[in-house]
C-alpha atoms as a PDB file:
ATOM      1  CA  MET A   1     131.645 196.357-107.140  1.00  0.00           C
ATOM      2  CA  VAL A   2     130.484 196.584-103.464  1.00  0.00           C
ATOM      3  CA  SER A   3     127.372 194.498-102.588  1.00  0.00           C
ATOM      4  CA  GLN A   4     124.664 195.968-100.354  1.00  0.00           C
ATOM      5  CA  PHE A   5     124.523 192.539 -98.442  1.00  0.00           C
ATOM      6  CA  HIS A   6     127.182 190.239 -97.369  1.00  0.00           C
ATOM      7  CA  PHE A   7     125.943 186.909 -96.171  1.00  0.00           C
ATOM      8  CA  SER A   8     127.792 184.052 -94.451  1.00  0.00           C
ATOM      9  CA  THR A   9     127.009 180.369 -94.188  1.00  0.00           C
ATOM     10  CA  ILE A  10     128.854 177.289 -92.927  1.00  0.00           C
ATOM     11  CA  VAL A  11     128.870 173.942 -94.956  1.00  0.00           C
ATOM     12  CA  SER A  12     130.334 170.461 -94.417  1.00  0.00           C
ATOM     13  CA  ARG A  13     130.214 167.797 -97.068  1.00  0.00           C
ATOM     14  CA  THR A  14     127.081 166.507 -95.567  1.00  0.00           C
ATOM     15  CA  HIS A  15     125.117 169.722 -96.255  1.00  0.00           C
ATOM     16  CA  ILE A  16     126.341 170.446 -99.796  1.00  0.00           C
ATOM     17  CA  PHE A  17     123.004 169.215-101.260  1.00  0.00           C
ATOM     18  CA  LYS A  18     121.204 171.527 -99.179  1.00  0.00           C
ATOM     19  CA  LEU A  19     123.501 174.528 -99.786  1.00  0.00           C
ATOM     20  CA  MET A  20     122.722 174.540-103.466  1.00  0.00           C
ATOM     21  CA  PRO A  21     118.899 175.540-103.215  1.00  0.00           C
ATOM     22  CA  MET A  22     119.884 178.032-100.699  1.00  0.00           C
ATOM     23  CA  ILE A  23     122.408 179.769-103.218  1.00  0.00           C
ATOM     24  CA  HIS A  24     120.047 179.172-106.177  1.00  0.00           C
ATOM     25  CA  SER A  25     116.951 180.802-104.493  1.00  0.00           C
ATOM     26  CA  LEU A  26     119.357 183.864-103.299  1.00  0.00           C
ATOM     27  CA  HIS A  27     120.272 184.426-107.142  1.00  0.00           C
ATOM     28  CA  GLU A  28     116.470 184.110-107.989  1.00  0.00           C
ATOM     29  CA  HIS A  29     115.211 186.757-105.540  1.00  0.00           C
ATOM     30  CA  CYS A  30     118.227 188.972-104.499  1.00  0.00           C
ATOM     31  CA  ASP A  31     120.054 191.324-106.866  1.00  0.00           C
ATOM     32  CA  ASP A  32     122.845 192.693-104.787  1.00  0.00           C
ATOM     33  CA  PHE A  33     124.570 190.290-102.495  1.00  0.00           C
ATOM     34  CA  HIS A  34     127.682 188.295-101.827  1.00  0.00           C
ATOM     35  CA  LEU A  35     127.913 185.058 -99.999  1.00  0.00           C
ATOM     36  CA  TYR A  36     130.674 183.816 -98.122  1.00  0.00           C
ATOM     37  CA  VAL A  37     130.708 179.971 -97.492  1.00  0.00           C
ATOM     38  CA  LEU A  38     132.990 178.609 -94.840  1.00  0.00           C
ATOM     39  CA  CYS A  39     133.883 175.022 -95.812  1.00  0.00           C
ATOM     40  CA  VAL A  40     134.625 173.034 -92.487  1.00  0.00           C
ATOM     41  CA  ASP A  41     136.151 170.111 -94.264  1.00  0.00           C
ATOM     42  CA  GLN A  42     138.356 169.716 -97.236  1.00  0.00           C
ATOM     43  CA  LYS A  43     136.207 167.483 -99.227  1.00  0.00           C
ATOM     44  CA  ALA A  44     133.403 170.256 -99.281  1.00  0.00           C
ATOM     45  CA  TYR A  45     135.806 172.794-100.323  1.00  0.00           C
ATOM     46  CA  GLU A  46     137.251 170.705-103.125  1.00  0.00           C
ATOM     47  CA  LEU A  47     133.849 169.555-104.597  1.00  0.00           C
ATOM     48  CA  LEU A  48     132.498 173.376-104.508  1.00  0.00           C
ATOM     49  CA  GLN A  49     135.355 174.513-106.538  1.00  0.00           C
ATOM     50  CA  HIS A  50     133.683 172.633-109.509  1.00  0.00           C
ATOM     51  CA  VAL A  51     130.337 174.444-109.024  1.00  0.00           C
ATOM     52  CA  PRO A  52     130.705 177.847-110.195  1.00  0.00           C
ATOM     53  CA  TRP A  53     128.414 180.633-108.748  1.00  0.00           C
ATOM     54  CA  GLU A  54     128.584 184.298-109.317  1.00  0.00           C
ATOM     55  CA  HIS A  55     128.864 186.272-106.075  1.00  0.00           C
ATOM     56  CA  VAL A  56     129.944 183.362-103.996  1.00  0.00           C
ATOM     57  CA  THR A  57     133.338 183.011-102.293  1.00  0.00           C
ATOM     58  CA  PHE A  58     134.340 179.523-100.725  1.00  0.00           C
ATOM     59  CA  VAL A  59     136.620 180.038 -97.589  1.00  0.00           C
ATOM     60  CA  GLN A  60     138.749 177.285 -96.087  1.00  0.00           C
ATOM     61  CA  LEU A  61     138.541 176.581 -92.401  1.00  0.00           C
ATOM     62  CA  HIS A  62     142.274 177.334 -91.808  1.00  0.00           C
ATOM     63  CA  GLU A  63     142.080 180.769 -93.388  1.00  0.00           C
ATOM     64  CA  MET A  64     139.942 182.082 -90.193  1.00  0.00           C
ATOM     65  CA  GLU A  65     140.801 179.762 -87.415  1.00  0.00           C
ATOM     66  CA  ASP A  66     142.960 181.430 -84.697  1.00  0.00           C
ATOM     67  CA  PRO A  67     144.247 179.850 -81.239  1.00  0.00           C
ATOM     68  CA  GLU A  68     140.963 180.676 -79.593  1.00  0.00           C
ATOM     69  CA  LEU A  69     139.007 178.738 -82.017  1.00  0.00           C
ATOM     70  CA  LEU A  70     141.451 175.815 -82.329  1.00  0.00           C
ATOM     71  CA  GLU A  71     141.267 175.632 -78.462  1.00  0.00           C
ATOM     72  CA  ALA A  72     137.467 175.396 -78.645  1.00  0.00           C
ATOM     73  CA  LYS A  73     137.811 172.833 -81.454  1.00  0.00           C
ATOM     74  CA  SER A  74     139.778 170.524 -79.213  1.00  0.00           C
ATOM     75  CA  ASN A  75     137.243 170.494 -76.447  1.00  0.00           C
ATOM     76  CA  ARG A  76     133.833 169.890 -78.304  1.00  0.00           C
ATOM     77  CA  THR A  77     132.154 167.665 -80.779  1.00  0.00           C
ATOM     78  CA  PHE A  78     132.191 168.554 -84.678  1.00  0.00           C
ATOM     79  CA  HIS A  79     128.648 169.571 -84.400  1.00  0.00           C
ATOM     80  CA  GLU A  80     129.224 171.783 -81.596  1.00  0.00           C
ATOM     81  CA  TYR A  81     132.337 173.384 -83.255  1.00  0.00           C
ATOM     82  CA  CYS A  82     130.251 174.092 -86.327  1.00  0.00           C
ATOM     83  CA  TRP A  83     127.698 176.027 -84.170  1.00  0.00           C
ATOM     84  CA  THR A  84     130.674 177.792 -82.583  1.00  0.00           C
ATOM     85  CA  LEU A  85     131.968 178.930 -85.948  1.00  0.00           C
ATOM     86  CA  LYS A  86     128.564 180.567 -86.879  1.00  0.00           C
ATOM     87  CA  PRO A  87     129.314 183.937 -85.030  1.00  0.00           C
ATOM     88  CA  ALA A  88     132.923 183.555 -85.465  1.00  0.00           C
ATOM     89  CA  PHE A  89     132.662 183.479 -89.249  1.00  0.00           C
ATOM     90  CA  LEU A  90     130.020 186.029 -89.332  1.00  0.00           C
ATOM     91  CA  PHE A  91     132.453 188.419 -87.390  1.00  0.00           C
ATOM     92  CA  HIS A  92     135.281 187.281 -90.006  1.00  0.00           C
ATOM     93  CA  VAL A  93     133.225 188.218 -92.957  1.00  0.00           C
ATOM     94  CA  MET A  94     132.247 191.599 -91.358  1.00  0.00           C
ATOM     95  CA  SER A  95     135.993 192.309 -90.606  1.00  0.00           C
ATOM     96  CA  GLN A  96     137.638 191.082 -93.951  1.00  0.00           C
ATOM     97  CA  TRP A  97     134.966 192.466 -96.209  1.00  0.00           C
ATOM     98  CA  ASP A  98     133.944 195.507 -94.262  1.00  0.00           C
ATOM     99  CA  ASP A  99     132.214 197.639 -97.297  1.00  0.00           C
ATOM    100  CA  ALA A 100     128.726 196.062 -97.196  1.00  0.00           C
ATOM    101  CA  GLU A 101     125.882 197.973 -95.739  1.00  0.00           C
ATOM    102  CA  TYR A 102     124.159 194.805 -94.146  1.00  0.00           C
ATOM    103  CA  TYR A 103     125.557 191.410 -93.165  1.00  0.00           C
ATOM    104  CA  ALA A 104     123.747 188.086 -92.055  1.00  0.00           C
ATOM    105  CA  HIS A 105     124.493 184.605 -90.961  1.00  0.00           C
ATOM    106  CA  MET A 106     122.132 182.195 -92.822  1.00  0.00           C
ATOM    107  CA  ASP A 107     121.944 178.488 -92.338  1.00  0.00           C
ATOM    108  CA  THR A 108     122.475 176.303 -95.330  1.00  0.00           C
ATOM    109  CA  ASP A 109     118.779 174.877 -95.102  1.00  0.00           C
ATOM    110  CA  LEU A 110     117.219 178.278 -95.919  1.00  0.00           C
ATOM    111  CA  PHE A 111     115.226 178.748 -99.248  1.00  0.00           C
ATOM    112  CA  PHE A 112     114.172 182.132-100.461  1.00  0.00           C
ATOM    113  CA  PHE A 113     110.847 182.817-101.927  1.00  0.00           C
ATOM    114  CA  SER A 114     111.332 186.608-102.180  1.00  0.00           C
ATOM    115  CA  ASP A 115     113.956 189.470-101.747  1.00  0.00           C
ATOM    116  CA  PRO A 116     115.595 189.259 -98.356  1.00  0.00           C
ATOM    117  CA  ALA A 117     116.102 192.979 -98.617  1.00  0.00           C
ATOM    118  CA  ARG A 118     112.631 193.257 -97.284  1.00  0.00           C
ATOM    119  CA  ILE A 119     113.948 192.042 -93.983  1.00  0.00           C
ATOM    120  CA  PHE A 120     116.312 194.970 -93.459  1.00  0.00           C
ATOM    121  CA  GLY A 121     113.771 197.416 -95.014  1.00  0.00           C
ATOM    122  CA  GLU A 122     111.457 196.974 -91.970  1.00  0.00           C
ATOM    123  CA  ASN A 123     113.985 199.152 -90.020  1.00  0.00           C
ATOM    124  CA  PRO A 124     116.912 200.234 -92.167  1.00  0.00           C
ATOM    125  CA  ALA A 125     118.552 202.061 -89.432  1.00  0.00           C
ATOM    126  CA  ALA A 126     118.708 199.174 -87.004  1.00  0.00           C
ATOM    127  CA  SER A 127     122.053 197.727 -85.970  1.00  0.00           C
ATOM    128  CA  LEU A 128     120.928 194.026 -85.341  1.00  0.00           C
ATOM    129  CA  TYR A 129     118.156 191.913 -86.771  1.00  0.00           C
ATOM    130  CA  LEU A 130     116.595 188.898 -84.869  1.00  0.00           C
ATOM    131  CA  THR A 131     113.714 186.541 -85.617  1.00  0.00           C
ATOM    132  CA  ASP A 132     111.384 185.148 -82.950  1.00  0.00           C
ATOM    133  CA  HIS A 133     110.526 181.518 -83.289  1.00  0.00           C
ATOM    134  CA  ARG A 134     106.758 182.262 -83.147  1.00  0.00           C
ATOM    135  CA  ASN A 135     106.210 178.832 -82.006  1.00  0.00           C
ATOM    136  CA  SER A 136     102.956 177.275 -82.713  1.00  0.00           C
ATOM    137  CA  PRO A 137     100.937 175.552 -79.953  1.00  0.00           C
ATOM    138  CA  ARG A 138     102.729 172.198 -80.156  1.00  0.00           C
ATOM    139  CA  PHE A 139     106.195 174.016 -79.838  1.00  0.00           C
ATOM    140  CA  MET A 140     105.336 176.371 -77.093  1.00  0.00           C
ATOM    141  CA  SER A 141     107.426 174.305 -74.569  1.00  0.00           C
ATOM    142  CA  TYR A 142     110.539 174.782 -76.803  1.00  0.00           C
ATOM    143  CA  TYR A 143     110.766 178.428 -75.635  1.00  0.00           C
ATOM    144  CA  GLU A 144     112.260 177.154 -72.424  1.00  0.00           C
ATOM    145  CA  ARG A 145     114.784 175.011 -74.245  1.00  0.00           C
ATOM    146  CA  THR A 146     115.740 176.500 -77.490  1.00  0.00           C
ATOM    147  CA  GLY A 147     114.937 180.295 -76.569  1.00  0.00           C
ATOM    148  CA  ARG A 148     112.907 183.002 -77.995  1.00  0.00           C
ATOM    149  CA  PHE A 149     115.077 183.655 -81.168  1.00  0.00           C
ATOM    150  CA  ASN A 150     116.204 181.256 -83.963  1.00  0.00           C
ATOM    151  CA  THR A 151     119.678 182.013 -85.068  1.00  0.00           C
ATOM    152  CA  GLY A 152     119.264 180.405 -88.551  1.00  0.00           C
ATOM    153  CA  PHE A 153     119.225 184.008 -89.522  1.00  0.00           C
ATOM    154  CA  VAL A 154     120.921 186.711 -87.755  1.00  0.00           C
ATOM    155  CA  GLY A 155     121.335 190.169 -89.333  1.00  0.00           C
ATOM    156  CA  ALA A 156     123.562 193.002 -88.692  1.00  0.00           C
ATOM    157  CA  ARG A 157     124.127 196.630 -90.214  1.00  0.00           C
ATOM    158  CA  ASN A 158     127.723 198.009 -90.712  1.00  0.00           C
ATOM    159  CA  THR A 159     127.814 199.787 -87.272  1.00  0.00           C
ATOM    160  CA  GLU A 160     130.067 199.817 -84.173  1.00  0.00           C
ATOM    161  CA  GLU A 161     127.169 198.402 -82.197  1.00  0.00           C
ATOM    162  CA  ALA A 162     126.783 195.407 -84.507  1.00  0.00           C
ATOM    163  CA  TYR A 163     130.503 194.711 -84.299  1.00  0.00           C
ATOM    164  CA  LYS A 164     130.415 194.656 -80.602  1.00  0.00           C
ATOM    165  CA  ALA A 165     127.516 192.328 -80.415  1.00  0.00           C
ATOM    166  CA  VAL A 166     128.786 189.807 -82.879  1.00  0.00           C
ATOM    167  CA  TRP A 167     132.032 189.771 -81.291  1.00  0.00           C
ATOM    168  CA  GLN A 168     130.526 188.974 -77.876  1.00  0.00           C
ATOM    169  CA  TRP A 169     128.416 186.264 -79.531  1.00  0.00           C
ATOM    170  CA  ARG A 170     131.567 184.857 -80.822  1.00  0.00           C
ATOM    171  CA  GLN A 171     133.371 184.897 -77.505  1.00  0.00           C
ATOM    172  CA  ASP A 172     130.363 183.531 -75.736  1.00  0.00           C
ATOM    173  CA  CYS A 173     130.198 180.378 -78.029  1.00  0.00           C
ATOM    174  CA  ILE A 174     133.977 179.859 -77.922  1.00  0.00           C
ATOM    175  CA  GLU A 175     133.517 179.678 -74.078  1.00  0.00           C
ATOM    176  CA  TYR A 176     130.576 177.230 -74.023  1.00  0.00           C
ATOM    177  CA  CYS A 177     128.537 175.825 -77.015  1.00  0.00           C
ATOM    178  CA  THR A 178     126.951 172.465 -76.543  1.00  0.00           C
ATOM    179  CA  VAL A 179     124.326 170.421 -78.476  1.00  0.00           C
ATOM    180  CA  GLU A 180     122.471 169.832 -74.911  1.00  0.00           C
ATOM    181  CA  MET A 181     119.606 172.224 -74.125  1.00  0.00           C
ATOM    182  CA  ASN A 182     120.778 173.740 -70.743  1.00  0.00           C
ATOM    183  CA  THR A 183     117.629 175.310 -69.211  1.00  0.00           C
ATOM    184  CA  GLU A 184     119.712 176.296 -66.149  1.00  0.00           C
ATOM    185  CA  ARG A 185     122.269 178.323 -68.022  1.00  0.00           C
ATOM    186  CA  LYS A 186     119.817 179.253 -70.675  1.00  0.00           C
ATOM    187  CA  THR A 187     122.124 177.866 -73.462  1.00  0.00           C
ATOM    188  CA  TYR A 188     121.333 175.848 -76.578  1.00  0.00           C
ATOM    189  CA  GLY A 189     124.317 175.753 -78.970  1.00  0.00           C
ATOM    190  CA  ASP A 190     124.965 179.285 -80.195  1.00  0.00           C
ATOM    191  CA  GLN A 191     121.308 180.206 -80.008  1.00  0.00           C
ATOM    192  CA  ARG A 192     120.358 181.594 -76.624  1.00  0.00           C
ATOM    193  CA  TYR A 193     123.100 184.009 -76.278  1.00  0.00           C
ATOM    194  CA  VAL A 194     121.466 186.441 -78.577  1.00  0.00           C
ATOM    195  CA  GLU A 195     118.482 186.670 -76.199  1.00  0.00           C
ATOM    196  CA  LYS A 196     120.504 189.223 -74.221  1.00  0.00           C
ATOM    197  CA  TRP A 197     120.983 191.573 -77.152  1.00  0.00           C
ATOM    198  CA  PRO A 198     117.811 193.598 -76.828  1.00  0.00           C
ATOM    199  CA  ALA A 199     118.884 194.661 -73.282  1.00  0.00           C
ATOM    200  CA  GLN A 200     122.509 195.006 -74.057  1.00  0.00           C
ATOM    201  CA  TYR A 201     122.739 196.842 -77.290  1.00  0.00           C
ATOM    202  CA  GLN A 202     121.172 199.546 -79.184  1.00  0.00           C
ATOM    203  CA  GLY A 203     119.155 199.306 -82.333  1.00  0.00           C
ATOM    204  CA  VAL A 204     118.076 195.593 -82.040  1.00  0.00           C
ATOM    205  CA  HIS A 205     115.145 195.144 -84.326  1.00  0.00           C
ATOM    206  CA  VAL A 206     112.939 191.840 -83.764  1.00  0.00           C
ATOM    207  CA  VAL A 207     111.621 191.250 -87.374  1.00  0.00           C
ATOM    208  CA  LYS A 208     108.032 191.628 -87.527  1.00  0.00           C
ATOM    209  CA  SER A 209     107.149 189.689 -90.919  1.00  0.00           C
ATOM    210  CA  THR A 210     105.907 186.223 -90.271  1.00  0.00           C
ATOM    211  CA  GLY A 211     107.345 185.535 -93.756  1.00  0.00           C
ATOM    212  CA  VAL A 212     110.899 185.462 -92.302  1.00  0.00           C
ATOM    213  CA  ASN A 213     112.372 182.245 -90.878  1.00  0.00           C
ATOM    214  CA  THR A 214     108.996 180.414 -91.254  1.00  0.00           C
ATOM    215  CA  ALA A 215     109.598 176.734 -90.250  1.00  0.00           C
ATOM    216  CA  LEU A 216     108.084 173.565 -88.848  1.00  0.00           C
ATOM    217  CA  TRP A 217     107.828 175.196 -85.350  1.00  0.00           C
ATOM    218  CA  ASN A 218     105.454 177.991 -86.763  1.00  0.00           C
ATOM    219  CA  ILE A 219     104.060 177.102 -90.167  1.00  0.00           C
ATOM    220  CA  GLU A 220     100.985 175.611 -88.368  1.00  0.00           C
ATOM    221  CA  ASN A 221     100.104 179.161 -87.181  1.00  0.00           C
ATOM    222  CA  TYR A 222      99.340 180.366 -90.899  1.00  0.00           C
ATOM    223  CA  LYS A 223      97.150 179.871 -93.776  1.00  0.00           C
ATOM    224  CA  VAL A 224      99.275 179.240 -96.958  1.00  0.00           C
ATOM    225  CA  THR A 225      98.000 180.666-100.252  1.00  0.00           C
ATOM    226  CA  GLN A 226      99.419 181.816-103.588  1.00  0.00           C
ATOM    227  CA  LYS A 227      98.617 185.023-105.286  1.00  0.00           C
ATOM    228  CA  ASN A 228     100.091 186.333-108.638  1.00  0.00           C
ATOM    229  CA  GLY A 229     102.723 183.508-108.303  1.00  0.00           C
ATOM    230  CA  ARG A 230     103.913 184.427-104.747  1.00  0.00           C
ATOM    231  CA  VAL A 231     103.439 182.463-101.614  1.00  0.00           C
ATOM    232  CA  TYR A 232     101.512 184.137 -98.824  1.00  0.00           C
ATOM    233  CA  LEU A 233     101.166 183.279 -95.028  1.00  0.00           C
ATOM    234  CA  ASP A 234      97.861 184.745 -94.148  1.00  0.00           C
ATOM    235  CA  GLU A 235      98.352 188.187 -95.889  1.00  0.00           C
ATOM    236  CA  THR A 236     102.081 188.441 -95.634  1.00  0.00           C
ATOM    237  CA  PRO A 237     104.637 187.303 -98.379  1.00  0.00           C
ATOM    238  CA  LEU A 238     106.923 184.421 -97.672  1.00  0.00           C
ATOM    239  CA  ILE A 239     110.467 185.649 -97.711  1.00  0.00           C
ATOM    240  CA  PHE A 240     112.333 182.407 -96.843  1.00  0.00           C
ATOM    241  CA  TYR A 241     111.517 179.179 -95.125  1.00  0.00           C
ATOM    242  CA  HIS A 242     113.823 177.220 -92.960  1.00  0.00           C
ATOM    243  CA  PHE A 243     113.892 173.706 -93.701  1.00  0.00           C
ATOM    244  CA  SER A 244     115.098 172.562 -90.244  1.00  0.00           C
ATOM    245  CA  GLY A 245     113.997 168.994 -89.832  1.00  0.00           C
ATOM    246  CA  PHE A 246     114.060 168.160 -93.484  1.00  0.00           C
ATOM    247  CA  THR A 247     115.752 164.803 -94.167  1.00  0.00           C
ATOM    248  CA  LEU A 248     117.556 163.367 -97.348  1.00  0.00           C
ATOM    249  CA  VAL A 249     117.061 159.740 -97.422  1.00  0.00           C
ATOM    250  CA  THR A 250     118.209 158.706-100.925  1.00  0.00           C
ATOM    251  CA  GLU A 251     118.324 160.671-104.305  1.00  0.00           C
ATOM    252  CA  ASN A 252     114.449 160.214-104.647  1.00  0.00           C
ATOM    253  CA  GLU A 253     113.166 160.094-101.149  1.00  0.00           C
ATOM    254  CA  PHE A 254     113.060 162.538 -98.291  1.00  0.00           C
ATOM    255  CA  ASN A 255     111.264 163.170 -95.083  1.00  0.00           C
ATOM    256  CA  LEU A 256     109.657 166.456 -94.958  1.00  0.00           C
ATOM    257  CA  CYS A 257     109.548 166.990 -91.161  1.00  0.00           C
ATOM    258  CA  TRP A 258     111.409 165.114 -88.398  1.00  0.00           C
ATOM    259  CA  TYR A 259     108.723 165.925 -85.867  1.00  0.00           C
ATOM    260  CA  TYR A 260     105.264 165.286 -87.367  1.00  0.00           C
ATOM    261  CA  ARG A 261     103.270 164.731 -90.516  1.00  0.00           C
ATOM    262  CA  ILE A 262     102.294 168.078 -92.326  1.00  0.00           C
ATOM    263  CA  GLU A 263      98.506 167.939 -92.830  1.00  0.00           C
ATOM    264  CA  ASP A 264      98.362 171.287 -94.713  1.00  0.00           C
ATOM    265  CA  GLU A 265      98.444 170.213 -98.430  1.00  0.00           C
ATOM    266  CA  ALA A 266      98.985 174.042 -99.413  1.00  0.00           C
ATOM    267  CA  ALA A 267     102.005 174.035 -97.337  1.00  0.00           C
ATOM    268  CA  ILE A 268     103.273 171.034 -99.140  1.00  0.00           C
ATOM    269  CA  GLU A 269     102.535 171.939-102.574  1.00  0.00           C
ATOM    270  CA  MET A 270     103.481 175.650-102.310  1.00  0.00           C
ATOM    271  CA  ILE A 271     106.439 175.559 -99.888  1.00  0.00           C
ATOM    272  CA  TYR A 272     107.923 172.067 -99.585  1.00  0.00           C
ATOM    273  CA  MET A 273     107.484 170.697-103.143  1.00  0.00           C
ATOM    274  CA  PRO A 274     109.376 173.546-104.771  1.00  0.00           C
ATOM    275  CA  TYR A 275     112.342 173.045-102.479  1.00  0.00           C
ATOM    276  CA  VAL A 276     112.287 169.263-102.968  1.00  0.00           C
ATOM    277  CA  LEU A 277     112.200 169.528-106.717  1.00  0.00           C
ATOM    278  CA  ASN A 278     115.105 172.309-106.568  1.00  0.00           C
ATOM    279  CA  LEU A 279     116.997 170.055-104.302  1.00  0.00           C
ATOM    280  CA  LYS A 280     116.491 167.143-106.541  1.00  0.00           C
ATOM    281  CA  ARG A 281     117.889 168.980-109.487  1.00  0.00           C
ATOM    282  CA  TRP A 282     121.125 169.779-107.550  1.00  0.00           C
ATOM    283  CA  ILE A 283     121.566 166.190-106.253  1.00  0.00           C
ATOM    284  CA  ASP A 284     121.262 164.997-109.947  1.00  0.00           C
ATOM    285  CA  GLU A 285     123.811 167.649-111.296  1.00  0.00           C
ATOM    286  CA  ILE A 286     126.307 166.999-108.425  1.00  0.00           C
ATOM    287  CA  GLN A 287     126.070 163.245-108.765  1.00  0.00           C
ATOM    288  CA  THR A 288     126.372 163.468-112.389  1.00  0.00           C
ATOM    289  CA  ALA A 289     129.744 165.122-111.959  1.00  0.00           C
ATOM    290  CA  PHE A 290     130.711 163.313-108.849  1.00  0.00           C
ATOM    291  CA  PRO A 291     129.071 159.900-109.253  1.00  0.00           C
ATOM    292  CA  ASP A 292     130.484 158.500-105.851  1.00  0.00           C
ATOM    293  CA  PHE A 293     129.282 161.471-103.926  1.00  0.00           C
ATOM    294  CA  ALA A 294     126.614 160.479-101.475  1.00  0.00           C
ATOM    295  CA  ASP A 295     127.256 162.531 -98.259  1.00  0.00           C
ATOM    296  CA  GLY A 296     124.208 163.774 -96.525  1.00  0.00           C
ATOM    297  CA  PHE A 297     121.748 160.888 -96.984  1.00  0.00           C
ATOM    298  CA  ILE A 298     120.559 159.405 -93.817  1.00  0.00           C
ATOM    299  CA  PRO A 299     119.396 155.682 -93.905  1.00  0.00           C
ATOM    300  CA  LYS A 300     115.670 155.509 -93.646  1.00  0.00           C
ATOM    301  CA  HIS A 301     115.701 153.103 -90.632  1.00  0.00           C
ATOM    302  CA  ALA A 302     117.426 155.957 -88.758  1.00  0.00           C
ATOM    303  CA  VAL A 303     114.881 158.584 -89.524  1.00  0.00           C
ATOM    304  CA  PRO A 304     111.446 159.117 -87.919  1.00  0.00           C
ATOM    305  CA  ASP A 305     108.413 157.691 -89.899  1.00  0.00           C
ATOM    306  CA  THR A 306     106.704 161.145 -89.980  1.00  0.00           C
ATOM    307  CA  HIS A 307     106.405 162.485 -93.459  1.00  0.00           C
ATOM    308  CA  PHE A 308     108.166 160.399 -96.178  1.00  0.00           C
ATOM    309  CA  ILE A 309     107.726 161.365 -99.811  1.00  0.00           C
ATOM    310  CA  GLN A 310     109.069 159.489-102.801  1.00  0.00           C
ATOM    311  CA  LEU A 311     109.666 161.192-106.163  1.00  0.00           C
ATOM    312  CA  ASP A 312     108.942 159.111-109.365  1.00  0.00           C
END
């Protein structure tokens, strides 16, 4: 059966724990999707074969690498290559499984609180979907470094215009993709290339909902509440939270935010703790099946002392 949404994401062995809550929350809130997961190392692929999910396909790196990508792989770090692969794999999914209505790249550290169909429903006829950082005052200076849009989520409709844009994004990243923020070139990894889209392509929709791609850089803009079991930011339902800056220290200890201590108890209780508890469940399940697996934990001494929490 053809799915309305085909999503793509990229995972290494150090992000397997974070991938599980993302997939789990998608199943909780989206009825009609298929997720394609690119495993960038063999250990990730082999472990994930033992975690059965419906509507999920795991893809090995060699299945989609071509000479252009292999050349890029030879001239950059592993981290930079993973960022290079984001648009390349999204284009691969759009080309190999071209029967969906909508597509999106999603980072593995997203967690859904309601149906992502609402994102595309804002403008069903658009070709491309971007999310503004909506930076809070403490992150305003980051616009000059990380750009206007966050590419933890980039959506596309099955149109010729979208294929052109994602292909060009792929080529841009193959040419140049670094972890350094280059304000002169206006590049930062894969991210700032999409800033050109509104001027270059037709049908670019900047998502209006503040409940999309909410994260540490904008959560301070909003009042977090809960109504009828749903999380709201001011009067807007939270669709997904991007847990960038969230760190796993041990099986029971986490740093909620790499940059600052979160003072809003409602955000902790209604957004962070549901994620922590879901993540803890999957850590336990995976380590029960694979007792020696501990990839993804960062020693406490290497993590900023900003917002540690310890589960009992």
